């Protein structure tokens, strides 16, 4: 099983190199295969101990299934937490990035597949000289390390509140489509989970800065459900351009108009129903208590949605 998985990984990397040499315009197929590699396969590719070799002084192949599973999980967890993937050269690292004077050992082919910007940088340098080290001026070491951990198939670190802005910036700068999509999906999920007005405006600002049209639309739809007073007290709201704030208030006005239409429609229906079936229960031209309560429920529901 191990040999078959390893050969599969090698074939995918070879296919990537073939795409880089012969088809420089379409890397998405290979990128998807690289990012879908099984974690254990990637651990072997990085020179880590095979899961069938000795662990804690015993052969995993001869141990019970439960022990084997536990050992594999332990190895996986330790490997994920180990910094040696980028801090030390290994079988798949053929390039060294220099960030703030510190080295990070990476795979040129993997970075070339996920980032056309980095690929162009590597190709340009390789024509000038033997490419061994690439400096990344203007970047921080912690952000680039986080970036590598988020795009490498043997880690694929989740997007979180702590790294989403840095990863979105680097995804935009290096044109990493998959990382950009993961950041957008994370921010969308926050909006769908009814986050605070402060967070909505923060996400809206981010969507504007990185030209994320779908996220911007969703953010404005969420922002228009907050009261005008609440929005005006949110940090950053006053910094939005007039077109954006105008769009938010127009949408909010439409929400009020739509709620008014629904309430008036329900009131007319109640008046018609009450005049036909509740004549003896009405007080003059007013609705009976039962119909009036029905209109009140609809009104309360529609108004509640506005805040």
C-alpha atoms as a PDB file:
ATOM      1  CA  UNK A   1       0.000   0.000   0.000  1.00  0.00           C
ATOM      2  CA  UNK A   2       2.777   2.439   0.932  1.00  0.00           C
ATOM      3  CA  UNK A   3       4.673   1.912  -2.342  1.00  0.00           C
ATOM      4  CA  UNK A   4       1.510   2.412  -4.365  1.00  0.00           C
ATOM      5  CA  UNK A   5       0.655   5.685  -2.586  1.00  0.00           C
ATOM      6  CA  UNK A   6       4.204   6.950  -2.896  1.00  0.00           C
ATOM      7  CA  UNK A   7       4.374   6.241  -6.614  1.00  0.00           C
ATOM      8  CA  UNK A   8       1.061   8.011  -7.057  1.00  0.00           C
ATOM      9  CA  UNK A   9       2.426  11.118  -5.363  1.00  0.00           C
ATOM     10  CA  UNK A  10       5.568  10.984  -7.507  1.00  0.00           C
ATOM     11  CA  UNK A  11       3.468  10.695 -10.660  1.00  0.00           C
ATOM     12  CA  UNK A  12       1.448  13.757  -9.671  1.00  0.00           C
ATOM     13  CA  UNK A  13       4.605  15.811  -9.090  1.00  0.00           C
ATOM     14  CA  UNK A  14       5.984  14.606 -12.447  1.00  0.00           C
ATOM     15  CA  UNK A  15       2.733  15.580 -14.108  1.00  0.00           C
ATOM     16  CA  UNK A  16       3.072  19.011 -12.540  1.00  0.00           C
ATOM     17  CA  UNK A  17       6.573  19.440 -13.929  1.00  0.00           C
ATOM     18  CA  UNK A  18       5.281  18.386 -17.363  1.00  0.00           C
ATOM     19  CA  UNK A  19       2.558  21.039 -17.186  1.00  0.00           C
ATOM     20  CA  UNK A  20       5.082  23.663 -16.209  1.00  0.00           C
ATOM     21  CA  UNK A  21       7.256  22.823 -19.198  1.00  0.00           C
ATOM     22  CA  UNK A  22       4.624  22.221 -21.886  1.00  0.00           C
ATOM     23  CA  UNK A  23       1.398  23.872 -20.820  1.00  0.00           C
ATOM     24  CA  UNK A  24       2.047  27.131 -19.015  1.00  0.00           C
ATOM     25  CA  UNK A  25      -1.520  28.419 -19.190  1.00  0.00           C
ATOM     26  CA  UNK A  26      -3.470  25.705 -17.374  1.00  0.00           C
ATOM     27  CA  UNK A  27      -2.324  24.424 -13.988  1.00  0.00           C
ATOM     28  CA  UNK A  28      -5.677  23.980 -12.203  1.00  0.00           C
ATOM     29  CA  UNK A  29      -5.936  20.224 -12.840  1.00  0.00           C
ATOM     30  CA  UNK A  30      -2.520  19.526 -11.359  1.00  0.00           C
ATOM     31  CA  UNK A  31      -3.114  21.985  -8.536  1.00  0.00           C
ATOM     32  CA  UNK A  32      -6.265  20.124  -7.520  1.00  0.00           C
ATOM     33  CA  UNK A  33      -4.407  16.809  -7.533  1.00  0.00           C
ATOM     34  CA  UNK A  34      -1.546  18.229  -5.461  1.00  0.00           C
ATOM     35  CA  UNK A  35      -3.928  19.700  -2.894  1.00  0.00           C
ATOM     36  CA  UNK A  36      -5.897  16.451  -2.653  1.00  0.00           C
ATOM     37  CA  UNK A  37      -2.889  14.286  -1.828  1.00  0.00           C
ATOM     38  CA  UNK A  38      -3.353  12.033   1.159  1.00  0.00           C
ATOM     39  CA  UNK A  39      -1.549  13.403   4.221  1.00  0.00           C
ATOM     40  CA  UNK A  40       0.327  10.157   4.926  1.00  0.00           C
ATOM     41  CA  UNK A  41       1.593  10.111   1.363  1.00  0.00           C
ATOM     42  CA  UNK A  42       2.948  13.600   1.742  1.00  0.00           C
ATOM     43  CA  UNK A  43       4.639  12.696   5.016  1.00  0.00           C
ATOM     44  CA  UNK A  44       6.563   9.974   3.192  1.00  0.00           C
ATOM     45  CA  UNK A  45       7.397  12.408   0.394  1.00  0.00           C
ATOM     46  CA  UNK A  46       8.963  14.672   3.000  1.00  0.00           C
ATOM     47  CA  UNK A  47      11.179  11.877   4.255  1.00  0.00           C
ATOM     48  CA  UNK A  48       9.277  11.039   7.426  1.00  0.00           C
ATOM     49  CA  UNK A  49       9.160   7.532   8.824  1.00  0.00           C
ATOM     50  CA  UNK A  50       6.867   5.109   6.985  1.00  0.00           C
ATOM     51  CA  UNK A  51       3.872   4.076   9.061  1.00  0.00           C
ATOM     52  CA  UNK A  52       4.799   0.405   8.702  1.00  0.00           C
ATOM     53  CA  UNK A  53       8.275   0.750  10.201  1.00  0.00           C
ATOM     54  CA  UNK A  54       9.184   0.598  13.867  1.00  0.00           C
ATOM     55  CA  UNK A  55       7.297   2.809  16.291  1.00  0.00           C
ATOM     56  CA  UNK A  56       7.932   2.692  20.055  1.00  0.00           C
ATOM     57  CA  UNK A  57      10.096  -0.405  19.616  1.00  0.00           C
ATOM     58  CA  UNK A  58       7.462  -2.617  17.992  1.00  0.00           C
ATOM     59  CA  UNK A  59       6.443  -3.477  14.424  1.00  0.00           C
ATOM     60  CA  UNK A  60       3.166  -1.821  13.534  1.00  0.00           C
ATOM     61  CA  UNK A  61       2.523  -4.479  10.924  1.00  0.00           C
ATOM     62  CA  UNK A  62       2.360  -7.150  13.624  1.00  0.00           C
ATOM     63  CA  UNK A  63       0.346  -5.105  16.121  1.00  0.00           C
ATOM     64  CA  UNK A  64      -3.452  -5.046  16.528  1.00  0.00           C
ATOM     65  CA  UNK A  65      -5.480  -2.721  14.346  1.00  0.00           C
ATOM     66  CA  UNK A  66      -6.285  -0.398  17.256  1.00  0.00           C
ATOM     67  CA  UNK A  67      -2.576   0.005  18.065  1.00  0.00           C
ATOM     68  CA  UNK A  68      -1.780   0.641  14.407  1.00  0.00           C
ATOM     69  CA  UNK A  69      -4.478   3.334  14.171  1.00  0.00           C
ATOM     70  CA  UNK A  70      -3.329   4.992  17.373  1.00  0.00           C
ATOM     71  CA  UNK A  71       0.297   5.036  16.190  1.00  0.00           C
ATOM     72  CA  UNK A  72      -0.636   6.496  12.816  1.00  0.00           C
ATOM     73  CA  UNK A  73      -2.718   9.212  14.439  1.00  0.00           C
ATOM     74  CA  UNK A  74       0.128  10.044  16.804  1.00  0.00           C
ATOM     75  CA  UNK A  75       2.587  10.217  13.920  1.00  0.00           C
ATOM     76  CA  UNK A  76       0.189  12.378  11.918  1.00  0.00           C
ATOM     77  CA  UNK A  77      -0.329  14.816  14.792  1.00  0.00           C
ATOM     78  CA  UNK A  78       3.383  15.113  15.479  1.00  0.00           C
ATOM     79  CA  UNK A  79       4.115  15.657  11.807  1.00  0.00           C
ATOM     80  CA  UNK A  80       1.495  18.355  11.484  1.00  0.00           C
ATOM     81  CA  UNK A  81       2.937  20.202  14.471  1.00  0.00           C
ATOM     82  CA  UNK A  82       6.539  19.814  13.328  1.00  0.00           C
ATOM     83  CA  UNK A  83       8.186  22.923  11.812  1.00  0.00           C
ATOM     84  CA  UNK A  84      10.853  20.911   9.975  1.00  0.00           C
ATOM     85  CA  UNK A  85       8.877  20.936   6.725  1.00  0.00           C
ATOM     86  CA  UNK A  86      10.045  24.483   6.057  1.00  0.00           C
ATOM     87  CA  UNK A  87      12.854  24.945   8.557  1.00  0.00           C
ATOM     88  CA  UNK A  88      15.027  22.145   7.150  1.00  0.00           C
ATOM     89  CA  UNK A  89      15.791  20.897   3.649  1.00  0.00           C
ATOM     90  CA  UNK A  90      14.174  17.572   2.743  1.00  0.00           C
ATOM     91  CA  UNK A  91      13.606  15.305  -0.258  1.00  0.00           C
ATOM     92  CA  UNK A  92      11.083  17.611  -1.910  1.00  0.00           C
ATOM     93  CA  UNK A  93      12.597  21.017  -1.118  1.00  0.00           C
ATOM     94  CA  UNK A  94      14.660  22.340  -4.009  1.00  0.00           C
ATOM     95  CA  UNK A  95      14.436  26.054  -3.232  1.00  0.00           C
ATOM     96  CA  UNK A  96      15.059  28.355  -0.300  1.00  0.00           C
ATOM     97  CA  UNK A  97      12.982  31.451   0.363  1.00  0.00           C
ATOM     98  CA  UNK A  98      14.641  34.234   2.300  1.00  0.00           C
ATOM     99  CA  UNK A  99      12.243  36.312   4.403  1.00  0.00           C
ATOM    100  CA  UNK A 100      13.566  38.905   6.842  1.00  0.00           C
ATOM    101  CA  UNK A 101      16.936  37.170   6.561  1.00  0.00           C
ATOM    102  CA  UNK A 102      15.519  33.776   7.612  1.00  0.00           C
ATOM    103  CA  UNK A 103      15.354  30.707   5.333  1.00  0.00           C
ATOM    104  CA  UNK A 104      12.282  28.650   4.454  1.00  0.00           C
ATOM    105  CA  UNK A 105      12.812  25.458   2.424  1.00  0.00           C
ATOM    106  CA  UNK A 106      10.109  24.827  -0.158  1.00  0.00           C
ATOM    107  CA  UNK A 107       9.212  22.909  -3.298  1.00  0.00           C
ATOM    108  CA  UNK A 108       9.573  25.043  -6.395  1.00  0.00           C
ATOM    109  CA  UNK A 109       7.157  22.935  -8.429  1.00  0.00           C
ATOM    110  CA  UNK A 110       4.396  23.077  -5.813  1.00  0.00           C
ATOM    111  CA  UNK A 111       4.643  26.851  -5.416  1.00  0.00           C
ATOM    112  CA  UNK A 112       4.797  27.245  -9.203  1.00  0.00           C
ATOM    113  CA  UNK A 113       1.584  25.264  -9.595  1.00  0.00           C
ATOM    114  CA  UNK A 114      -0.440  27.164  -6.989  1.00  0.00           C
ATOM    115  CA  UNK A 115       0.940  30.637  -7.789  1.00  0.00           C
ATOM    116  CA  UNK A 116       1.559  31.983 -11.328  1.00  0.00           C
ATOM    117  CA  UNK A 117       3.225  35.021  -9.752  1.00  0.00           C
ATOM    118  CA  UNK A 118       5.799  32.900  -7.930  1.00  0.00           C
ATOM    119  CA  UNK A 119       6.289  30.778 -11.045  1.00  0.00           C
ATOM    120  CA  UNK A 120       7.114  33.854 -13.122  1.00  0.00           C
ATOM    121  CA  UNK A 121       9.501  34.975 -10.400  1.00  0.00           C
ATOM    122  CA  UNK A 122      11.250  31.587 -10.385  1.00  0.00           C
ATOM    123  CA  UNK A 123      11.437  31.415 -14.194  1.00  0.00           C
ATOM    124  CA  UNK A 124      12.897  34.905 -14.452  1.00  0.00           C
ATOM    125  CA  UNK A 125      15.569  34.193 -11.859  1.00  0.00           C
ATOM    126  CA  UNK A 126      16.441  30.799 -13.359  1.00  0.00           C
ATOM    127  CA  UNK A 127      17.236  32.449 -16.700  1.00  0.00           C
ATOM    128  CA  UNK A 128      19.653  34.813 -15.023  1.00  0.00           C
ATOM    129  CA  UNK A 129      21.439  32.398 -12.691  1.00  0.00           C
ATOM    130  CA  UNK A 130      21.236  29.041 -10.982  1.00  0.00           C
ATOM    131  CA  UNK A 131      18.236  29.419  -8.734  1.00  0.00           C
ATOM    132  CA  UNK A 132      18.923  28.420  -5.135  1.00  0.00           C
ATOM    133  CA  UNK A 133      17.508  31.194  -2.991  1.00  0.00           C
ATOM    134  CA  UNK A 134      14.705  33.669  -3.648  1.00  0.00           C
ATOM    135  CA  UNK A 135      14.381  36.744  -1.416  1.00  0.00           C
ATOM    136  CA  UNK A 136      10.879  38.020  -0.638  1.00  0.00           C
ATOM    137  CA  UNK A 137      11.389  41.653   0.366  1.00  0.00           C
ATOM    138  CA  UNK A 138       8.511  43.461   1.997  1.00  0.00           C
ATOM    139  CA  UNK A 139       7.070  40.257   3.500  1.00  0.00           C
ATOM    140  CA  UNK A 140       7.082  39.153   7.124  1.00  0.00           C
ATOM    141  CA  UNK A 141       8.501  35.794   8.096  1.00  0.00           C
ATOM    142  CA  UNK A 142       5.446  34.810  10.144  1.00  0.00           C
ATOM    143  CA  UNK A 143       3.020  35.602   7.301  1.00  0.00           C
ATOM    144  CA  UNK A 144       4.980  33.634   4.691  1.00  0.00           C
ATOM    145  CA  UNK A 145       5.312  30.660   7.045  1.00  0.00           C
ATOM    146  CA  UNK A 146       1.552  30.781   7.667  1.00  0.00           C
ATOM    147  CA  UNK A 147       1.002  31.047   3.902  1.00  0.00           C
ATOM    148  CA  UNK A 148       3.062  27.909   3.252  1.00  0.00           C
ATOM    149  CA  UNK A 149       1.239  25.982   5.979  1.00  0.00           C
ATOM    150  CA  UNK A 150      -2.103  26.977   4.421  1.00  0.00           C
ATOM    151  CA  UNK A 151      -1.254  25.872   0.862  1.00  0.00           C
ATOM    152  CA  UNK A 152       0.936  22.797   1.411  1.00  0.00           C
ATOM    153  CA  UNK A 153      -1.076  19.560   0.979  1.00  0.00           C
ATOM    154  CA  UNK A 154       0.431  17.883   4.032  1.00  0.00           C
ATOM    155  CA  UNK A 155      -0.869  20.576   6.366  1.00  0.00           C
ATOM    156  CA  UNK A 156      -3.585  22.751   4.741  1.00  0.00           C
ATOM    157  CA  UNK A 157      -3.886  24.815   7.889  1.00  0.00           C
ATOM    158  CA  UNK A 158      -7.462  26.082   8.353  1.00  0.00           C
ATOM    159  CA  UNK A 159      -8.387  29.696   7.746  1.00  0.00           C
ATOM    160  CA  UNK A 160      -9.179  31.485  11.004  1.00  0.00           C
ATOM    161  CA  UNK A 161      -9.804  34.937  12.470  1.00  0.00           C
ATOM    162  CA  UNK A 162      -6.095  35.154  13.209  1.00  0.00           C
ATOM    163  CA  UNK A 163      -4.812  34.526   9.668  1.00  0.00           C
ATOM    164  CA  UNK A 164      -7.642  35.344   7.245  1.00  0.00           C
ATOM    165  CA  UNK A 165      -6.538  38.896   6.452  1.00  0.00           C
ATOM    166  CA  UNK A 166      -2.883  38.019   5.957  1.00  0.00           C
ATOM    167  CA  UNK A 167      -3.788  34.985   3.830  1.00  0.00           C
ATOM    168  CA  UNK A 168      -6.224  36.980   1.724  1.00  0.00           C
ATOM    169  CA  UNK A 169      -3.540  39.598   1.114  1.00  0.00           C
ATOM    170  CA  UNK A 170      -0.968  36.995   0.074  1.00  0.00           C
ATOM    171  CA  UNK A 171      -3.504  35.057  -1.992  1.00  0.00           C
ATOM    172  CA  UNK A 172      -4.272  38.261  -3.850  1.00  0.00           C
ATOM    173  CA  UNK A 173      -0.615  39.236  -4.222  1.00  0.00           C
ATOM    174  CA  UNK A 174       0.546  35.791  -5.406  1.00  0.00           C
ATOM    175  CA  UNK A 175      -2.701  34.980  -7.285  1.00  0.00           C
ATOM    176  CA  UNK A 176      -3.405  31.787  -5.350  1.00  0.00           C
ATOM    177  CA  UNK A 177      -6.970  31.025  -6.412  1.00  0.00           C
ATOM    178  CA  UNK A 178      -7.665  28.159  -4.011  1.00  0.00           C
ATOM    179  CA  UNK A 179      -6.451  30.070  -0.940  1.00  0.00           C
ATOM    180  CA  UNK A 180      -8.483  33.108  -1.944  1.00  0.00           C
ATOM    181  CA  UNK A 181     -11.606  30.943  -2.252  1.00  0.00           C
ATOM    182  CA  UNK A 182     -11.010  29.425   1.193  1.00  0.00           C
ATOM    183  CA  UNK A 183     -10.679  32.895   2.745  1.00  0.00           C
ATOM    184  CA  UNK A 184     -13.893  34.063   1.069  1.00  0.00           C
ATOM    185  CA  UNK A 185     -15.735  30.928   2.216  1.00  0.00           C
ATOM    186  CA  UNK A 186     -14.591  31.559   5.800  1.00  0.00           C
ATOM    187  CA  UNK A 187     -15.807  35.175   5.742  1.00  0.00           C
ATOM    188  CA  UNK A 188     -19.129  34.155   4.174  1.00  0.00           C
ATOM    189  CA  UNK A 189     -19.666  31.638   6.937  1.00  0.00           C
ATOM    190  CA  UNK A 190     -19.129  34.346   9.537  1.00  0.00           C
ATOM    191  CA  UNK A 191     -21.744  36.546   7.878  1.00  0.00           C
ATOM    192  CA  UNK A 192     -24.226  33.680   7.708  1.00  0.00           C
ATOM    193  CA  UNK A 193     -23.747  33.048  11.429  1.00  0.00           C
ATOM    194  CA  UNK A 194     -25.148  36.481  12.335  1.00  0.00           C
ATOM    195  CA  UNK A 195     -21.941  38.212  13.366  1.00  0.00           C
ATOM    196  CA  UNK A 196     -21.873  41.661  14.957  1.00  0.00           C
ATOM    197  CA  UNK A 197     -22.294  44.914  13.033  1.00  0.00           C
ATOM    198  CA  UNK A 198     -18.637  45.708  13.683  1.00  0.00           C
ATOM    199  CA  UNK A 199     -17.595  42.460  12.037  1.00  0.00           C
ATOM    200  CA  UNK A 200     -19.994  42.982   9.107  1.00  0.00           C
ATOM    201  CA  UNK A 201     -18.466  46.375   8.312  1.00  0.00           C
ATOM    202  CA  UNK A 202     -14.970  44.934   8.705  1.00  0.00           C
ATOM    203  CA  UNK A 203     -15.776  42.149   6.214  1.00  0.00           C
ATOM    204  CA  UNK A 204     -17.415  44.679   3.896  1.00  0.00           C
ATOM    205  CA  UNK A 205     -14.255  46.800   3.945  1.00  0.00           C
ATOM    206  CA  UNK A 206     -12.148  43.716   3.209  1.00  0.00           C
ATOM    207  CA  UNK A 207     -14.385  42.729   0.293  1.00  0.00           C
ATOM    208  CA  UNK A 208     -14.014  46.211  -1.195  1.00  0.00           C
ATOM    209  CA  UNK A 209     -10.229  46.252  -0.782  1.00  0.00           C
ATOM    210  CA  UNK A 210      -9.818  42.898  -2.550  1.00  0.00           C
ATOM    211  CA  UNK A 211     -12.606  43.334  -5.118  1.00  0.00           C
ATOM    212  CA  UNK A 212     -14.708  40.438  -3.811  1.00  0.00           C
ATOM    213  CA  UNK A 213     -18.032  41.304  -5.419  1.00  0.00           C
ATOM    214  CA  UNK A 214     -20.102  38.404  -4.080  1.00  0.00           C
ATOM    215  CA  UNK A 215     -18.830  38.942  -0.540  1.00  0.00           C
ATOM    216  CA  UNK A 216     -19.466  42.687  -0.841  1.00  0.00           C
ATOM    217  CA  UNK A 217     -23.046  42.043  -1.910  1.00  0.00           C
ATOM    218  CA  UNK A 218     -23.623  39.696   1.014  1.00  0.00           C
ATOM    219  CA  UNK A 219     -22.021  42.165   3.433  1.00  0.00           C
ATOM    220  CA  UNK A 220     -24.214  45.076   2.340  1.00  0.00           C
ATOM    221  CA  UNK A 221     -27.301  42.856   2.564  1.00  0.00           C
ATOM    222  CA  UNK A 222     -26.372  42.071   6.168  1.00  0.00           C
ATOM    223  CA  UNK A 223     -25.398  45.669   7.017  1.00  0.00           C
ATOM    224  CA  UNK A 224     -28.745  47.078   5.898  1.00  0.00           C
ATOM    225  CA  UNK A 225     -30.474  45.073   8.648  1.00  0.00           C
ATOM    226  CA  UNK A 226     -28.702  47.070  11.348  1.00  0.00           C
ATOM    227  CA  UNK A 227     -30.190  50.347  12.539  1.00  0.00           C
ATOM    228  CA  UNK A 228     -28.793  53.609  11.181  1.00  0.00           C
ATOM    229  CA  UNK A 229     -27.703  54.678  14.666  1.00  0.00           C
ATOM    230  CA  UNK A 230     -25.876  51.392  15.221  1.00  0.00           C
ATOM    231  CA  UNK A 231     -24.081  51.586  11.866  1.00  0.00           C
ATOM    232  CA  UNK A 232     -22.954  55.164  12.402  1.00  0.00           C
ATOM    233  CA  UNK A 233     -21.277  54.120  15.663  1.00  0.00           C
ATOM    234  CA  UNK A 234     -19.382  51.228  14.055  1.00  0.00           C
ATOM    235  CA  UNK A 235     -15.648  51.943  13.593  1.00  0.00           C
ATOM    236  CA  UNK A 236     -14.819  52.144   9.912  1.00  0.00           C
ATOM    237  CA  UNK A 237     -18.361  52.830   8.688  1.00  0.00           C
ATOM    238  CA  UNK A 238     -17.661  56.537   8.202  1.00  0.00           C
ATOM    239  CA  UNK A 239     -14.593  55.602   6.126  1.00  0.00           C
ATOM    240  CA  UNK A 240     -16.709  53.806   3.521  1.00  0.00           C
ATOM    241  CA  UNK A 241     -17.271  55.668   0.288  1.00  0.00           C
ATOM    242  CA  UNK A 242     -20.562  57.489  -0.250  1.00  0.00           C
ATOM    243  CA  UNK A 243     -21.730  54.977  -2.877  1.00  0.00           C
ATOM    244  CA  UNK A 244     -21.461  52.088  -0.415  1.00  0.00           C
ATOM    245  CA  UNK A 245     -23.192  53.842   2.493  1.00  0.00           C
ATOM    246  CA  UNK A 246     -25.892  55.102   0.136  1.00  0.00           C
ATOM    247  CA  UNK A 247     -26.435  51.553  -1.126  1.00  0.00           C
ATOM    248  CA  UNK A 248     -26.787  50.275   2.453  1.00  0.00           C
ATOM    249  CA  UNK A 249     -29.377  52.902   3.423  1.00  0.00           C
ATOM    250  CA  UNK A 250     -31.326  52.406   0.178  1.00  0.00           C
ATOM    251  CA  UNK A 251     -31.530  48.690   0.864  1.00  0.00           C
ATOM    252  CA  UNK A 252     -32.656  49.409   4.417  1.00  0.00           C
ATOM    253  CA  UNK A 253     -35.380  51.734   3.132  1.00  0.00           C
ATOM    254  CA  UNK A 254     -36.560  48.999   0.756  1.00  0.00           C
ATOM    255  CA  UNK A 255     -36.776  46.579   3.685  1.00  0.00           C
ATOM    256  CA  UNK A 256     -39.107  48.986   5.507  1.00  0.00           C
ATOM    257  CA  UNK A 257     -41.198  49.470   2.384  1.00  0.00           C
ATOM    258  CA  UNK A 258     -41.488  45.726   1.836  1.00  0.00           C
ATOM    259  CA  UNK A 259     -42.506  45.182   5.471  1.00  0.00           C
ATOM    260  CA  UNK A 260     -45.154  47.915   5.119  1.00  0.00           C
ATOM    261  CA  UNK A 261     -46.575  46.286   1.982  1.00  0.00           C
ATOM    262  CA  UNK A 262     -46.881  42.911   3.702  1.00  0.00           C
ATOM    263  CA  UNK A 263     -48.580  44.407   6.751  1.00  0.00           C
ATOM    264  CA  UNK A 264     -51.059  46.388   4.612  1.00  0.00           C
ATOM    265  CA  UNK A 265     -51.813  43.271   2.538  1.00  0.00           C
ATOM    266  CA  UNK A 266     -52.511  41.251   5.686  1.00  0.00           C
ATOM    267  CA  UNK A 267     -54.702  44.043   7.052  1.00  0.00           C
ATOM    268  CA  UNK A 268     -56.858  44.123   3.885  1.00  0.00           C
ATOM    269  CA  UNK A 269     -57.210  40.344   3.949  1.00  0.00           C
ATOM    270  CA  UNK A 270     -58.257  40.504   7.608  1.00  0.00           C
ATOM    271  CA  UNK A 271     -60.816  43.252   6.914  1.00  0.00           C
ATOM    272  CA  UNK A 272     -62.390  41.206   4.110  1.00  0.00           C
ATOM    273  CA  UNK A 273     -62.458  38.043   6.183  1.00  0.00           C
ATOM    274  CA  UNK A 274     -63.769  39.781   9.293  1.00  0.00           C
ATOM    275  CA  UNK A 275     -66.592  41.584   7.412  1.00  0.00           C
ATOM    276  CA  UNK A 276     -67.823  38.248   6.000  1.00  0.00           C
ATOM    277  CA  UNK A 277     -67.435  35.860   8.906  1.00  0.00           C
ATOM    278  CA  UNK A 278     -67.161  37.919  12.102  1.00  0.00           C
ATOM    279  CA  UNK A 279     -69.900  40.527  11.690  1.00  0.00           C
ATOM    280  CA  UNK A 280     -71.295  40.019  15.159  1.00  0.00           C
ATOM    281  CA  UNK A 281     -67.856  40.227  16.791  1.00  0.00           C
ATOM    282  CA  UNK A 282     -66.757  43.513  15.279  1.00  0.00           C
ATOM    283  CA  UNK A 283     -66.810  46.879  17.008  1.00  0.00           C
ATOM    284  CA  UNK A 284     -68.219  49.141  14.372  1.00  0.00           C
ATOM    285  CA  UNK A 285     -65.834  49.257  11.415  1.00  0.00           C
ATOM    286  CA  UNK A 286     -62.960  47.887  13.483  1.00  0.00           C
ATOM    287  CA  UNK A 287     -61.638  44.340  13.294  1.00  0.00           C
ATOM    288  CA  UNK A 288     -62.673  41.735  15.798  1.00  0.00           C
ATOM    289  CA  UNK A 289     -60.139  40.787  18.449  1.00  0.00           C
ATOM    290  CA  UNK A 290     -59.189  37.546  16.674  1.00  0.00           C
ATOM    291  CA  UNK A 291     -58.480  39.186  13.303  1.00  0.00           C
ATOM    292  CA  UNK A 292     -56.748  42.115  14.978  1.00  0.00           C
ATOM    293  CA  UNK A 293     -54.449  39.679  16.795  1.00  0.00           C
ATOM    294  CA  UNK A 294     -53.602  37.999  13.470  1.00  0.00           C
ATOM    295  CA  UNK A 295     -52.598  41.329  11.927  1.00  0.00           C
ATOM    296  CA  UNK A 296     -50.567  42.120  15.036  1.00  0.00           C
ATOM    297  CA  UNK A 297     -48.591  38.907  14.737  1.00  0.00           C
ATOM    298  CA  UNK A 298     -47.700  39.594  11.105  1.00  0.00           C
ATOM    299  CA  UNK A 299     -46.719  43.179  11.946  1.00  0.00           C
ATOM    300  CA  UNK A 300     -44.534  42.096  14.863  1.00  0.00           C
ATOM    301  CA  UNK A 301     -42.815  39.476  12.694  1.00  0.00           C
ATOM    302  CA  UNK A 302     -42.044  41.914   9.869  1.00  0.00           C
ATOM    303  CA  UNK A 303     -40.788  44.615  12.214  1.00  0.00           C
ATOM    304  CA  UNK A 304     -38.599  42.130  14.085  1.00  0.00           C
ATOM    305  CA  UNK A 305     -36.813  41.284  10.831  1.00  0.00           C
ATOM    306  CA  UNK A 306     -35.760  44.889  10.426  1.00  0.00           C
ATOM    307  CA  UNK A 307     -33.617  44.915  13.573  1.00  0.00           C
END
